[in-house]
Amino acid sequence: MKTTALRSALFLRNLVFGVEDGLVSTVGLLSGIAIAGVPRGTIFLTGVVLIFVEAFSMAAGSFLSEASVEEMDGGADDTRGSIDAAIIMFAAYFVAGLVPLLPYLKFEVAQAFPLSIICSVVALLLLGYWSGRRTNAAWRKAVRMALVGGLAILVGVFAGSLLA
């Protein structure tokens, strides 16, 4: 059975990774599609499919990787810990993926596009700050998280612009 410190690390790793990837992957894809002039309904449908598929995929990957690490470290397979990691990853990705998607439910593409990006970057800042709050570098981590995520958003916009 894992110690409390290891379980906390497992929780934090899967939560931060799930939220970051849910925000960045979803906003990157939606931005790339929106910039290409696709109708709002198609953008929303694409986002919903992405969130479900990727949340499940990330959860499966988390389950399998946590089980592999347990076995590699010579310990018994801690299935409960691997399941917990998968649940955290699924929930984190799913909920975070809604942040960039919801503006497309309420607003037309012209308004939803920048709002989706802004909400996602703000969420990345908050995630970076929250994950670094135990250190003296919370704001540095917040800015780093927003910059790295912002670069991924630009990749989506660039790809959509190239192919539009």
Foldseek 3Di string as FASTA:
>chain_A
DDDPVVLVVLLLVLLLVLLLCLLLVLLLQLLLQLLLPDFLVVSLVVLVVCLVVVLQVQLVVQLVVQQVVCVVVVHHRPNVSSNVSSVSNSVNSNVSNVQLNVLSVPDGSVVSSVNSLVSSLVVLLVSQLVSCVVDPCSNVRSVVSSVVSVVSSVVSNVNSVVVD
